[in-house]
Amino acid sequence: MEIKILEHTKNKLKVELLGKTHTLCTVLTEELWNDKDVEAAGYRVAHPQRSNAELVVETKTKDPVKVLNAAIGRLKKKNKEFLTAVKKAVK
């Protein structure tokens, strides 16, 4: 996956996720909202067939890159737990 930084300030990060649309962004923004330091998290896709997703994260005090990385880490852990549960269930 290719990511293009559109804006990065002390409390705001805006990135373009090349080739990605709603699926990844929906899960990611939902997980970002679990962080109490997040003031805003969302994304937009101008046109689903011609546009890439733009993800925005705004924080109160933390570096938005660190907040995004933490959210990704939590999602990786949840995915691993889900995979383990599926493997156990289909034995």
N, C-alpha and C. Protein backbone atom coordinates (compact mmCIF):
# COMPACT_ATOMS: atom_id res chain seq x y z
N MET A 1 0.85 -1.17 0.00
CA MET A 1 0.00 0.00 0.00
C MET A 1 0.89 1.23 0.00
N GLU A 2 0.48 2.20 -0.77
CA GLU A 2 1.22 3.44 -0.85
C GLU A 2 0.43 4.53 -0.13
N ILE A 3 1.13 5.33 0.68
CA ILE A 3 0.50 6.40 1.43
C ILE A 3 1.19 7.71 1.08
N LYS A 4 0.39 8.71 0.85
CA LYS A 4 0.90 10.04 0.53
C LYS A 4 0.48 11.00 1.64
N ILE A 5 1.45 11.65 2.27
CA ILE A 5 1.16 12.62 3.33
C ILE A 5 0.69 13.91 2.67
N LEU A 6 -0.51 14.33 3.01
CA LEU A 6 -1.06 15.57 2.47
C LEU A 6 -0.85 16.75 3.43
N GLU A 7 -0.90 16.44 4.73
CA GLU A 7 -0.71 17.47 5.76
C GLU A 7 -0.26 16.79 7.04
N HIS A 8 0.73 17.37 7.70
CA HIS A 8 1.19 16.84 8.99
C HIS A 8 1.61 18.01 9.86
N THR A 9 0.82 18.26 10.90
CA THR A 9 1.15 19.29 11.88
C THR A 9 1.23 18.62 13.24
N LYS A 10 1.40 19.43 14.27
CA LYS A 10 1.53 18.91 15.63
C LYS A 10 0.33 18.04 16.03
N ASN A 11 -0.86 18.45 15.64
CA ASN A 11 -2.06 17.74 16.07
C ASN A 11 -2.96 17.26 14.94
N LYS A 12 -2.46 17.31 13.71
CA LYS A 12 -3.30 16.89 12.59
C LYS A 12 -2.48 16.13 11.56
N LEU A 13 -3.07 15.05 11.08
CA LEU A 13 -2.46 14.26 10.01
C LEU A 13 -3.52 14.00 8.96
N LYS A 14 -3.19 14.29 7.72
CA LYS A 14 -4.08 14.00 6.60
C LYS A 14 -3.26 13.23 5.58
N VAL A 15 -3.73 12.03 5.24
CA VAL A 15 -3.02 11.17 4.30
C VAL A 15 -3.95 10.68 3.21
N GLU A 16 -3.37 10.40 2.07
CA GLU A 16 -4.10 9.79 0.97
C GLU A 16 -3.65 8.33 0.89
N LEU A 17 -4.61 7.43 0.90
CA LEU A 17 -4.34 5.99 0.82
C LEU A 17 -4.58 5.56 -0.61
N LEU A 18 -3.51 5.43 -1.36
CA LEU A 18 -3.62 5.15 -2.78
C LEU A 18 -4.18 3.75 -3.01
N GLY A 19 -5.22 3.69 -3.82
CA GLY A 19 -5.85 2.41 -4.14
C GLY A 19 -6.81 1.89 -3.09
N LYS A 20 -7.07 2.67 -2.07
CA LYS A 20 -7.96 2.23 -0.99
C LYS A 20 -9.22 3.08 -0.96
N THR A 21 -10.31 2.46 -0.51
CA THR A 21 -11.57 3.20 -0.40
C THR A 21 -12.17 2.95 0.98
N HIS A 22 -13.42 2.61 1.06
CA HIS A 22 -14.15 2.57 2.32
C HIS A 22 -13.74 1.45 3.28
N THR A 23 -13.42 0.29 2.79
CA THR A 23 -13.22 -0.87 3.65
C THR A 23 -12.18 -0.63 4.73
N LEU A 24 -10.99 -0.28 4.35
CA LEU A 24 -9.92 -0.04 5.32
C LEU A 24 -10.21 1.18 6.17
N CYS A 25 -10.67 2.23 5.57
CA CYS A 25 -10.87 3.50 6.29
C CYS A 25 -11.96 3.42 7.33
N THR A 26 -13.01 2.67 7.06
CA THR A 26 -14.09 2.53 8.03
C THR A 26 -13.58 1.88 9.31
N VAL A 27 -12.87 0.79 9.17
CA VAL A 27 -12.33 0.08 10.33
C VAL A 27 -11.30 0.95 11.07
N LEU A 28 -10.46 1.61 10.32
CA LEU A 28 -9.40 2.42 10.91
C LEU A 28 -9.98 3.62 11.67
N THR A 29 -10.93 4.33 11.09
CA THR A 29 -11.50 5.48 11.81
C THR A 29 -12.27 5.03 13.04
N GLU A 30 -12.95 3.90 12.95
CA GLU A 30 -13.65 3.39 14.13
C GLU A 30 -12.67 3.10 15.26
N GLU A 31 -11.53 2.51 14.93
CA GLU A 31 -10.53 2.22 15.95
C GLU A 31 -9.88 3.50 16.48
N LEU A 32 -9.67 4.47 15.63
CA LEU A 32 -9.09 5.74 16.08
C LEU A 32 -9.97 6.40 17.13
N TRP A 33 -11.28 6.28 17.00
CA TRP A 33 -12.19 6.89 17.96
C TRP A 33 -12.10 6.25 19.34
N ASN A 34 -11.47 5.09 19.46
CA ASN A 34 -11.27 4.46 20.76
C ASN A 34 -10.17 5.12 21.57
N ASP A 35 -9.40 6.00 20.95
CA ASP A 35 -8.33 6.73 21.64
C ASP A 35 -8.91 8.03 22.19
N LYS A 36 -8.81 8.23 23.49
CA LYS A 36 -9.39 9.41 24.13
C LYS A 36 -8.74 10.71 23.70
N ASP A 37 -7.56 10.66 23.11
CA ASP A 37 -6.88 11.87 22.67
C ASP A 37 -7.33 12.32 21.28
N VAL A 38 -8.08 11.49 20.61
CA VAL A 38 -8.53 11.83 19.25
C VAL A 38 -9.70 12.80 19.33
N GLU A 39 -9.54 13.95 18.69
CA GLU A 39 -10.61 14.95 18.61
C GLU A 39 -11.46 14.73 17.37
N ALA A 40 -10.84 14.26 16.30
CA ALA A 40 -11.55 14.00 15.06
C ALA A 40 -10.84 12.91 14.29
N ALA A 41 -11.63 12.04 13.69
CA ALA A 41 -11.09 11.00 12.82
C ALA A 41 -12.14 10.70 11.78
N GLY A 42 -11.73 10.73 10.55
CA GLY A 42 -12.68 10.46 9.48
C GLY A 42 -11.96 10.32 8.16
N TYR A 43 -12.74 10.05 7.14
CA TYR A 43 -12.16 9.91 5.81
C TYR A 43 -13.19 10.34 4.79
N ARG A 44 -12.71 10.53 3.58
CA ARG A 44 -13.61 10.84 2.48
C ARG A 44 -13.09 10.18 1.21
N VAL A 45 -14.00 9.79 0.38
CA VAL A 45 -13.69 9.27 -0.95
C VAL A 45 -14.55 10.09 -1.91
N ALA A 46 -13.92 10.95 -2.68
CA ALA A 46 -14.66 11.84 -3.56
C ALA A 46 -15.48 11.06 -4.59
N HIS A 47 -14.88 10.04 -5.15
CA HIS A 47 -15.58 9.18 -6.12
C HIS A 47 -15.01 7.78 -5.99
N PRO A 48 -15.82 6.78 -5.69
CA PRO A 48 -15.30 5.44 -5.39
C PRO A 48 -14.54 4.77 -6.53
N GLN A 49 -14.78 5.16 -7.77
CA GLN A 49 -14.07 4.53 -8.88
C GLN A 49 -12.88 5.34 -9.37
N ARG A 50 -12.79 6.59 -8.96
CA ARG A 50 -11.72 7.44 -9.49
C ARG A 50 -10.88 8.12 -8.42
N SER A 51 -11.21 7.92 -7.16
CA SER A 51 -10.51 8.63 -6.08
C SER A 51 -9.92 7.66 -5.08
N ASN A 52 -8.88 8.12 -4.44
CA ASN A 52 -8.30 7.42 -3.31
C ASN A 52 -8.93 7.97 -2.04
N ALA A 53 -8.86 7.21 -0.98
CA ALA A 53 -9.38 7.66 0.30
C ALA A 53 -8.42 8.67 0.92
N GLU A 54 -8.98 9.68 1.57
CA GLU A 54 -8.20 10.64 2.35
C GLU A 54 -8.62 10.49 3.80
N LEU A 55 -7.66 10.14 4.64
CA LEU A 55 -7.90 9.91 6.06
C LEU A 55 -7.37 11.10 6.85
N VAL A 56 -8.16 11.58 7.82
CA VAL A 56 -7.75 12.71 8.65
C VAL A 56 -7.84 12.29 10.11
N VAL A 57 -6.78 12.62 10.87
CA VAL A 57 -6.74 12.37 12.31
C VAL A 57 -6.34 13.67 12.99
N GLU A 58 -7.15 14.12 13.94
CA GLU A 58 -6.82 15.30 14.74
C GLU A 58 -6.80 14.88 16.21
N THR A 59 -5.77 15.31 16.92
CA THR A 59 -5.60 14.92 18.31
C THR A 59 -5.56 16.14 19.23
N LYS A 60 -5.72 15.89 20.52
CA LYS A 60 -5.65 16.98 21.51
C LYS A 60 -4.19 17.32 21.83
N THR A 61 -3.42 16.30 22.19
CA THR A 61 -2.03 16.54 22.61
C THR A 61 -1.01 15.62 21.95
N LYS A 62 -1.41 14.42 21.61
CA LYS A 62 -0.46 13.42 21.07
C LYS A 62 -0.15 13.67 19.60
N ASP A 63 0.99 13.13 19.18
CA ASP A 63 1.37 13.16 17.77
C ASP A 63 0.39 12.27 17.00
N PRO A 64 -0.28 12.80 15.99
CA PRO A 64 -1.27 12.00 15.26
C PRO A 64 -0.68 10.78 14.56
N VAL A 65 0.61 10.82 14.21
CA VAL A 65 1.24 9.64 13.60
C VAL A 65 1.32 8.52 14.62
N LYS A 66 1.68 8.85 15.86
CA LYS A 66 1.76 7.84 16.91
C LYS A 66 0.38 7.28 17.23
N VAL A 67 -0.63 8.13 17.21
CA VAL A 67 -2.00 7.69 17.46
C VAL A 67 -2.46 6.73 16.36
N LEU A 68 -2.15 7.07 15.12
CA LEU A 68 -2.50 6.21 13.99
C LEU A 68 -1.78 4.87 14.09
N ASN A 69 -0.50 4.90 14.40
CA ASN A 69 0.27 3.66 14.54
C ASN A 69 -0.28 2.78 15.67
N ALA A 70 -0.69 3.41 16.77
CA ALA A 70 -1.27 2.65 17.88
C ALA A 70 -2.59 2.00 17.46
N ALA A 71 -3.40 2.72 16.71
CA ALA A 71 -4.67 2.16 16.23
C ALA A 71 -4.42 0.98 15.31
N ILE A 72 -3.44 1.10 14.44
CA ILE A 72 -3.08 0.00 13.54
C ILE A 72 -2.62 -1.20 14.35
N GLY A 73 -1.83 -0.97 15.38
CA GLY A 73 -1.37 -2.06 16.25
C GLY A 73 -2.53 -2.78 16.93
N ARG A 74 -3.51 -2.01 17.41
CA ARG A 74 -4.67 -2.63 18.05
C ARG A 74 -5.47 -3.46 17.05
N LEU A 75 -5.60 -2.95 15.83
CA LEU A 75 -6.32 -3.71 14.80
C LEU A 75 -5.59 -4.99 14.43
N LYS A 76 -4.27 -4.94 14.38
CA LYS A 76 -3.50 -6.16 14.09
C LYS A 76 -3.74 -7.21 15.17
N LYS A 77 -3.78 -6.77 16.42
CA LYS A 77 -4.01 -7.69 17.53
C LYS A 77 -5.42 -8.29 17.42
N LYS A 78 -6.42 -7.46 17.13
CA LYS A 78 -7.79 -7.96 16.99
C LYS A 78 -7.90 -8.95 15.83
N ASN A 79 -7.22 -8.67 14.74
CA ASN A 79 -7.26 -9.57 13.58
C ASN A 79 -6.62 -10.91 13.92
N LYS A 80 -5.53 -10.87 14.66
CA LYS A 80 -4.86 -12.11 15.06
C LYS A 80 -5.78 -12.94 15.97
N GLU A 81 -6.44 -12.26 16.92
CA GLU A 81 -7.37 -12.96 17.81
C GLU A 81 -8.53 -13.57 17.03
N PHE A 82 -9.03 -12.84 16.04
CA PHE A 82 -10.13 -13.33 15.22
C PHE A 82 -9.70 -14.55 14.41
N LEU A 83 -8.52 -14.49 13.83
CA LEU A 83 -8.00 -15.61 13.05
C LEU A 83 -7.85 -16.85 13.92
N THR A 84 -7.35 -16.68 15.13
CA THR A 84 -7.20 -17.79 16.06
C THR A 84 -8.57 -18.40 16.39
N ALA A 85 -9.56 -17.54 16.62
CA ALA A 85 -10.91 -18.03 16.94
C ALA A 85 -11.52 -18.78 15.76
N VAL A 86 -11.30 -18.29 14.55
CA VAL A 86 -11.84 -18.98 13.38
C VAL A 86 -11.19 -20.34 13.20
N LYS A 87 -9.86 -20.40 13.34
CA LYS A 87 -9.16 -21.67 13.21
C LYS A 87 -9.64 -22.68 14.24
N LYS A 88 -9.87 -22.21 15.44
CA LYS A 88 -10.37 -23.08 16.52
C LYS A 88 -11.79 -23.56 16.22
N ALA A 89 -12.61 -22.70 15.67
CA ALA A 89 -14.01 -23.03 15.42
C ALA A 89 -14.17 -24.02 14.27
N VAL A 90 -13.28 -24.00 13.30
CA VAL A 90 -13.45 -24.87 12.13
C VAL A 90 -12.68 -26.18 12.23
N LYS A 91 -12.11 -26.48 13.35
CA LYS A 91 -11.39 -27.74 13.54
C LYS A 91 -12.31 -28.91 13.52
